[in-house]
Amino acid sequence: LDGLIHGCIPVVIQDESDMFFEGVFGTVGLGYDYSDFSVRLAEADLPKLVDVLTGIPLRRIKAMRKVVMHVRDYFVYKDMYNPSKQNREELLSRGRPNQDGF
C-alpha cells in the first residue's frame, strides 16, 4: 500500500487472494476496479514480469496513474497517525474531503 499512497501503480503477484478494498470501489459507486489502477500477474507468470510491464502502453499507464491519484486517499487513515488535534487537522486538510475512508 505504501507505493500506491505515493502514486505508484501496484503490481500484484498473488494467486487466490483479494487485495485491500478489492471490489469495494465499484460497490460504493466510484466506478473503479483494481484492474483500473493495478497490474495483476499470476505467480506462474512471474518470469514474464518484465515483458508484461514493458508491454503496457504509455496511454494505459497514464490512465492508471490518474486513477491511482484518485483512489490513494482511500488507503490512508489520516487521523490515526497523529493523536494531537493540530496534527490531525493538518493531515486531514491535505487530501480531498471525505476521502480517507468509506
C-alpha atoms as a PDB file:
ATOM      1  CA  LEU A   1       0.000   0.000   0.000  1.00  0.00           C
ATOM      2  CA  ASP A   2       2.891   2.399   0.564  1.00  0.00           C
ATOM      3  CA  GLY A   3       3.653   2.518  -3.154  1.00  0.00           C
ATOM      4  CA  LEU A   4       0.037   3.271  -4.044  1.00  0.00           C
ATOM      5  CA  ILE A   5      -0.144   6.035  -1.457  1.00  0.00           C
ATOM      6  CA  HIS A   6       2.909   7.606  -3.107  1.00  0.00           C
ATOM      7  CA  GLY A   7       1.336   7.405  -6.575  1.00  0.00           C
ATOM      8  CA  CYS A   8       2.801   4.143  -7.877  1.00  0.00           C
ATOM      9  CA  ILE A   9       0.810   1.614  -9.878  1.00  0.00           C
ATOM     10  CA  PRO A  10       0.580  -1.582  -7.799  1.00  0.00           C
ATOM     11  CA  VAL A  11       1.847  -4.808  -9.337  1.00  0.00           C
ATOM     12  CA  VAL A  12       0.082  -7.701  -7.627  1.00  0.00           C
ATOM     13  CA  ILE A  13       1.709 -11.133  -7.869  1.00  0.00           C
ATOM     14  CA  GLN A  14      -0.520 -13.215  -5.670  1.00  0.00           C
ATOM     15  CA  ASP A  15      -2.769 -16.110  -6.635  1.00  0.00           C
ATOM     16  CA  GLU A  16      -6.116 -16.783  -4.987  1.00  0.00           C
ATOM     17  CA  SER A  17      -6.347 -13.691  -2.820  1.00  0.00           C
ATOM     18  CA  ASP A  18      -8.177 -10.401  -2.828  1.00  0.00           C
ATOM     19  CA  MET A  19      -6.477  -7.087  -2.265  1.00  0.00           C
ATOM     20  CA  PHE A  20      -7.497  -4.491   0.315  1.00  0.00           C
ATOM     21  CA  PHE A  21     -10.761  -2.836  -0.864  1.00  0.00           C
ATOM     22  CA  GLU A  22     -10.942  -5.123  -3.918  1.00  0.00           C
ATOM     23  CA  GLY A  23     -14.487  -4.894  -5.291  1.00  0.00           C
ATOM     24  CA  VAL A  24     -15.423  -2.043  -2.956  1.00  0.00           C
ATOM     25  CA  PHE A  25     -14.837   0.904  -5.294  1.00  0.00           C
ATOM     26  CA  GLY A  26     -17.488  -0.303  -7.733  1.00  0.00           C
ATOM     27  CA  THR A  27     -19.869  -1.279  -4.943  1.00  0.00           C
ATOM     28  CA  VAL A  28     -19.863   2.211  -3.425  1.00  0.00           C
ATOM     29  CA  GLY A  29     -20.358   3.838  -6.814  1.00  0.00           C
ATOM     30  CA  LEU A  30     -16.873   5.140  -7.617  1.00  0.00           C
ATOM     31  CA  GLY A  31     -16.816   3.173 -10.856  1.00  0.00           C
ATOM     32  CA  TYR A  32     -13.296   1.798 -10.391  1.00  0.00           C
ATOM     33  CA  ASP A  33     -11.968  -1.713 -10.168  1.00  0.00           C
ATOM     34  CA  TYR A  34      -8.479  -2.803  -9.149  1.00  0.00           C
ATOM     35  CA  SER A  35      -7.733  -3.528 -12.815  1.00  0.00           C
ATOM     36  CA  ASP A  36      -8.194   0.206 -13.495  1.00  0.00           C
ATOM     37  CA  PHE A  37      -5.160   1.103 -11.365  1.00  0.00           C
ATOM     38  CA  SER A  38      -3.078  -2.046 -10.900  1.00  0.00           C
ATOM     39  CA  VAL A  39      -1.434  -4.893 -12.764  1.00  0.00           C
ATOM     40  CA  ARG A  40      -2.142  -8.442 -11.610  1.00  0.00           C
ATOM     41  CA  LEU A  41       0.132 -11.298 -12.583  1.00  0.00           C
ATOM     42  CA  ALA A  42      -0.246 -14.977 -11.754  1.00  0.00           C
ATOM     43  CA  GLU A  43       2.608 -16.438  -9.734  1.00  0.00           C
ATOM     44  CA  ALA A  44       3.347 -18.870 -12.580  1.00  0.00           C
ATOM     45  CA  ASP A  45       3.838 -15.871 -14.909  1.00  0.00           C
ATOM     46  CA  LEU A  46       6.486 -14.226 -12.737  1.00  0.00           C
ATOM     47  CA  PRO A  47       9.236 -14.972 -15.311  1.00  0.00           C
ATOM     48  CA  LYS A  48       7.246 -12.777 -17.764  1.00  0.00           C
ATOM     49  CA  LEU A  49       7.069  -9.793 -15.379  1.00  0.00           C
ATOM     50  CA  VAL A  50       9.459  -7.518 -17.268  1.00  0.00           C
ATOM     51  CA  ASP A  51       7.774  -8.278 -20.606  1.00  0.00           C
ATOM     52  CA  VAL A  52       4.315  -7.645 -19.130  1.00  0.00           C
ATOM     53  CA  LEU A  53       5.328  -4.333 -17.566  1.00  0.00           C
ATOM     54  CA  THR A  54       7.237  -3.045 -20.593  1.00  0.00           C
ATOM     55  CA  GLY A  55       4.314  -4.090 -22.799  1.00  0.00           C
ATOM     56  CA  ILE A  56       1.838  -1.741 -21.119  1.00  0.00           C
ATOM     57  CA  PRO A  57       1.165   1.194 -23.470  1.00  0.00           C
ATOM     58  CA  LEU A  58       2.031   4.663 -22.164  1.00  0.00           C
ATOM     59  CA  ARG A  59      -1.598   5.728 -22.650  1.00  0.00           C
ATOM     60  CA  ARG A  60      -2.687   2.924 -20.299  1.00  0.00           C
ATOM     61  CA  ILE A  61      -0.027   3.820 -17.730  1.00  0.00           C
ATOM     62  CA  LYS A  62      -1.221   7.439 -17.694  1.00  0.00           C
ATOM     63  CA  ALA A  63      -4.841   6.328 -17.261  1.00  0.00           C
ATOM     64  CA  MET A  64      -3.867   4.005 -14.401  1.00  0.00           C
ATOM     65  CA  ARG A  65      -1.833   6.731 -12.671  1.00  0.00           C
ATOM     66  CA  LYS A  66      -4.813   9.076 -12.885  1.00  0.00           C
ATOM     67  CA  VAL A  67      -6.975   6.523 -11.073  1.00  0.00           C
ATOM     68  CA  VAL A  68      -4.190   5.817  -8.547  1.00  0.00           C
ATOM     69  CA  MET A  69      -4.094   9.505  -7.678  1.00  0.00           C
ATOM     70  CA  HIS A  70      -7.844   9.456  -7.147  1.00  0.00           C
ATOM     71  CA  VAL A  71      -8.130   6.291  -5.049  1.00  0.00           C
ATOM     72  CA  ARG A  72      -4.975   6.606  -2.960  1.00  0.00           C
ATOM     73  CA  ASP A  73      -6.641   8.731  -0.308  1.00  0.00           C
ATOM     74  CA  TYR A  74      -8.965   5.827   0.474  1.00  0.00           C
ATOM     75  CA  PHE A  75      -5.955   3.805   1.584  1.00  0.00           C
ATOM     76  CA  VAL A  76      -4.795   6.403   4.130  1.00  0.00           C
ATOM     77  CA  TYR A  77      -6.415   6.811   7.504  1.00  0.00           C
ATOM     78  CA  LYS A  78      -5.058  10.282   8.063  1.00  0.00           C
ATOM     79  CA  ASP A  79      -6.427  10.788  11.543  1.00  0.00           C
ATOM     80  CA  MET A  80      -4.963   7.624  13.079  1.00  0.00           C
ATOM     81  CA  TYR A  81      -1.279   8.563  12.855  1.00  0.00           C
ATOM     82  CA  ASN A  82      -1.261  11.699  14.976  1.00  0.00           C
ATOM     83  CA  PRO A  83      -3.211  11.919  18.188  1.00  0.00           C
ATOM     84  CA  SER A  84      -2.787  15.683  18.588  1.00  0.00           C
ATOM     85  CA  LYS A  85      -5.673  17.791  17.299  1.00  0.00           C
ATOM     86  CA  GLN A  86      -3.411  20.178  15.386  1.00  0.00           C
ATOM     87  CA  ASN A  87      -1.532  17.416  13.559  1.00  0.00           C
ATOM     88  CA  ARG A  88      -4.758  15.550  12.805  1.00  0.00           C
ATOM     89  CA  GLU A  89      -6.373  18.650  11.271  1.00  0.00           C
ATOM     90  CA  GLU A  90      -3.269  19.299   9.185  1.00  0.00           C
ATOM     91  CA  LEU A  91      -3.243  15.754   7.803  1.00  0.00           C
ATOM     92  CA  LEU A  92      -6.966  15.775   7.090  1.00  0.00           C
ATOM     93  CA  SER A  93      -6.614  19.033   5.147  1.00  0.00           C
ATOM     94  CA  ARG A  94      -4.056  17.513   2.747  1.00  0.00           C
ATOM     95  CA  GLY A  95      -6.398  15.072   0.988  1.00  0.00           C
ATOM     96  CA  ARG A  96      -9.698  15.607  -0.733  1.00  0.00           C
ATOM     97  CA  PRO A  97     -12.640  15.992   1.685  1.00  0.00           C
ATOM     98  CA  ASN A  98     -14.201  12.746   2.917  1.00  0.00           C
ATOM     99  CA  GLN A  99     -11.689  10.517   1.137  1.00  0.00           C
ATOM    100  CA  ASP A 100      -9.802   8.918   3.992  1.00  0.00           C
ATOM    101  CA  GLY A 101     -12.253   6.041   4.374  1.00  0.00           C
ATOM    102  CA  PHE A 102     -15.725   4.945   3.354  1.00  0.00           C
END
